[in-house]
Amino acid sequence: MSNTFADRIREIRELMGLSQRKFAELVDIPQGSYRKYEEGREPPLSAVNKIISHEQLSQYGYWLVTGELPNLSNQITPATPTQVTQSGEALQPSEFKEMFINRSADTVALFMDMDWLHPNPEKPVDLKDCGKILFNELAPLIGEEKVSPKVVNLK
């Protein structure tokens, strides 16, 4: 992986098959300035913003700036604290909570199908309540408010 901004911007330009002049035109930066960025000069924030805001280049924004792949699960905005799915889709806290509970219930059902868990047949269990219990246990770690499941005796 490329170590410097200059290396990363050059790698993106070459991947697109563009000359320095064409790339500079694409992102509306003077060609001479762009050439200097590839030579190692630190670009101003306004130039970086033009590059990462361009629709063909926005997918490279985080990597271009940091040199790392993003961990989307920890990306939020100050205005709307949200969780972000692996696909990059933002979720409101209530949506995240519901998704967590449903996926947990599905996982418990899978464990039962695989014969890893054996519920008491005399005491039916709502798998969503299992998801709510798991959510409550993990709520302090993920910064969410607890939910109220029915009290369930799993034995």
Protein backbone atom coordinates (compact mmCIF):
# COMPACT_ATOMS: atom_id res chain seq x y z
CA MET A 1 0.00 0.00 0.00
CA SER A 2 1.16 3.52 -0.74
CA ASN A 3 2.70 5.42 2.16
CA THR A 4 2.34 9.07 1.18
CA PHE A 5 -0.47 11.24 -0.10
CA ALA A 6 1.62 11.83 -3.25
CA ASP A 7 1.91 8.07 -3.88
CA ARG A 8 -1.79 7.50 -3.22
CA ILE A 9 -3.01 10.32 -5.48
CA ARG A 10 -0.70 9.12 -8.25
CA GLU A 11 -1.99 5.56 -7.82
CA ILE A 12 -5.60 6.72 -8.18
CA ARG A 13 -4.79 8.85 -11.25
CA GLU A 14 -2.96 5.97 -12.92
CA LEU A 15 -5.79 3.56 -12.10
CA MET A 16 -8.15 5.93 -13.90
CA GLY A 17 -5.76 6.06 -16.87
CA LEU A 18 -5.50 9.85 -16.81
CA SER A 19 -2.59 12.18 -17.39
CA GLN A 20 -1.77 14.72 -14.70
CA ARG A 21 -3.37 17.41 -16.86
CA LYS A 22 -6.62 15.45 -17.35
CA PHE A 23 -6.83 14.52 -13.68
CA ALA A 24 -6.22 18.13 -12.61
CA GLU A 25 -8.98 19.27 -14.98
CA LEU A 26 -11.31 16.58 -13.63
CA VAL A 27 -10.96 17.84 -10.05
CA ASP A 28 -10.67 21.53 -11.02
CA ILE A 29 -7.15 22.07 -9.66
CA PRO A 30 -4.43 23.96 -11.58
CA GLN A 31 -2.18 21.47 -13.35
CA GLY A 32 1.01 22.94 -11.87
CA SER A 33 -0.35 22.64 -8.35
CA TYR A 34 -1.48 19.08 -8.95
CA ARG A 35 1.95 18.12 -10.31
CA LYS A 36 3.52 19.44 -7.10
CA TYR A 37 1.12 17.32 -4.99
CA GLU A 38 2.34 14.22 -6.80
CA GLU A 39 5.92 15.37 -6.20
CA GLY A 40 5.26 15.49 -2.47
CA ARG A 41 4.04 19.00 -1.68
CA GLU A 42 1.28 18.94 0.93
CA PRO A 43 -1.96 20.10 -0.73
CA PRO A 44 -4.23 22.60 1.01
CA LEU A 45 -7.46 21.28 2.46
CA SER A 46 -9.42 22.99 -0.34
CA ALA A 47 -7.58 20.87 -2.95
CA VAL A 48 -8.04 17.65 -0.96
CA ASN A 49 -11.73 18.48 -0.61
CA LYS A 50 -12.08 18.95 -4.38
CA ILE A 51 -10.52 15.55 -4.96
CA ILE A 52 -12.43 13.53 -2.38
CA SER A 53 -15.72 15.29 -3.14
CA HIS A 54 -15.62 14.36 -6.81
CA GLU A 55 -18.20 11.65 -7.54
CA GLN A 56 -15.66 9.39 -9.28
CA LEU A 57 -13.17 9.73 -6.43
CA SER A 58 -15.21 9.90 -3.22
CA GLN A 59 -14.83 6.15 -2.67
CA TYR A 60 -11.10 6.72 -2.16
CA GLY A 61 -11.47 9.65 0.27
CA TYR A 62 -10.62 7.99 3.57
CA TRP A 63 -7.77 5.94 2.11
CA LEU A 64 -6.38 8.93 0.22
CA VAL A 65 -6.22 11.04 3.37
CA THR A 66 -5.15 8.38 5.89
CA GLY A 67 -3.53 5.62 3.85
CA GLU A 68 -5.78 3.10 5.63
CA LEU A 69 -9.01 1.33 4.83
CA PRO A 70 -11.93 2.71 6.83
CA ASN A 71 -13.55 0.91 9.74
CA LEU A 72 -17.06 2.02 8.93
CA SER A 73 -18.52 0.70 12.14
CA ASN A 74 -17.00 3.62 14.02
CA GLN A 75 -17.86 6.40 11.56
CA ILE A 76 -20.56 8.87 12.66
CA THR A 77 -21.48 12.49 12.10
CA PRO A 78 -21.58 15.06 14.90
CA ALA A 79 -25.10 16.17 13.94
CA THR A 80 -26.68 12.72 13.95
CA PRO A 81 -24.98 10.05 16.00
CA THR A 82 -25.55 6.88 14.02
CA GLN A 83 -24.06 3.48 13.55
CA VAL A 84 -22.92 2.60 10.05
CA THR A 85 -23.35 -0.80 8.44
CA GLN A 86 -20.56 -2.56 6.58
CA SER A 87 -22.09 -1.33 3.33
CA GLY A 88 -21.72 2.24 4.60
CA GLU A 89 -25.44 2.77 5.19
CA ALA A 90 -26.12 5.01 8.18
CA LEU A 91 -28.56 3.77 10.82
CA GLN A 92 -30.37 5.75 13.45
CA PRO A 93 -29.97 4.34 16.99
CA SER A 94 -33.46 2.82 16.96
CA GLU A 95 -32.76 1.14 13.60
CA PHE A 96 -29.44 -0.18 14.86
CA LYS A 97 -31.09 -1.55 17.99
CA GLU A 98 -33.80 -3.33 15.98
CA MET A 99 -31.26 -4.72 13.52
CA PHE A 100 -29.07 -5.97 16.38
CA ILE A 101 -32.01 -7.67 18.12
CA ASN A 102 -33.22 -9.32 14.89
CA ARG A 103 -29.77 -10.56 13.90
CA SER A 104 -29.17 -11.87 17.41
CA ALA A 105 -32.49 -13.74 17.29
CA ASP A 106 -31.52 -15.20 13.90
CA THR A 107 -28.16 -16.29 15.32
CA VAL A 108 -29.78 -17.98 18.32
CA ALA A 109 -32.16 -19.77 15.93
CA LEU A 110 -29.19 -20.92 13.85
CA PHE A 111 -27.47 -22.25 16.97
CA MET A 112 -30.64 -24.17 17.82
CA ASP A 113 -30.83 -25.58 14.27
CA MET A 114 -27.21 -26.69 14.57
CA ASP A 115 -28.04 -28.39 17.85
CA TRP A 116 -25.68 -26.10 19.79
CA LEU A 117 -28.50 -24.83 22.00
CA HIS A 118 -31.33 -26.88 23.43
CA PRO A 119 -34.24 -24.83 24.79
CA ASN A 120 -36.63 -26.30 27.31
CA PRO A 121 -39.62 -27.50 25.23
CA GLU A 122 -41.94 -26.85 28.18
CA LYS A 123 -41.00 -23.15 28.30
CA PRO A 124 -41.17 -21.54 24.86
CA VAL A 125 -38.73 -18.71 24.33
CA ASP A 126 -39.26 -15.64 22.15
CA LEU A 127 -35.94 -15.38 20.29
CA LYS A 128 -36.33 -11.61 20.04
CA ASP A 129 -36.20 -11.52 23.84
CA CYS A 130 -32.86 -13.34 23.60
CA GLY A 131 -31.72 -10.61 21.23
CA LYS A 132 -32.87 -7.95 23.70
CA ILE A 133 -30.96 -9.62 26.53
CA LEU A 134 -27.80 -9.72 24.39
CA PHE A 135 -28.33 -6.09 23.44
CA ASN A 136 -28.67 -5.07 27.09
CA GLU A 137 -25.46 -6.88 27.97
CA LEU A 138 -23.57 -5.14 25.18
CA ALA A 139 -25.28 -1.73 25.44
CA PRO A 140 -22.51 -0.21 27.60
CA LEU A 141 -19.93 -1.27 25.01
CA ILE A 142 -21.78 0.14 22.02
CA GLY A 143 -23.16 3.25 23.72
CA GLU A 144 -26.83 2.42 23.39
CA GLU A 145 -29.69 2.64 25.85
CA LYS A 146 -31.06 -0.62 27.21
CA VAL A 147 -34.34 -2.14 26.07
CA SER A 148 -36.90 -3.99 28.19
CA PRO A 149 -37.24 -7.65 27.28
CA LYS A 150 -39.68 -9.96 29.00
CA VAL A 151 -38.01 -11.81 31.84
CA VAL A 152 -37.10 -15.20 30.41
CA ASN A 153 -35.91 -18.29 32.22
CA LEU A 154 -33.85 -20.22 29.71
CA LYS A 155 -33.40 -23.29 31.96
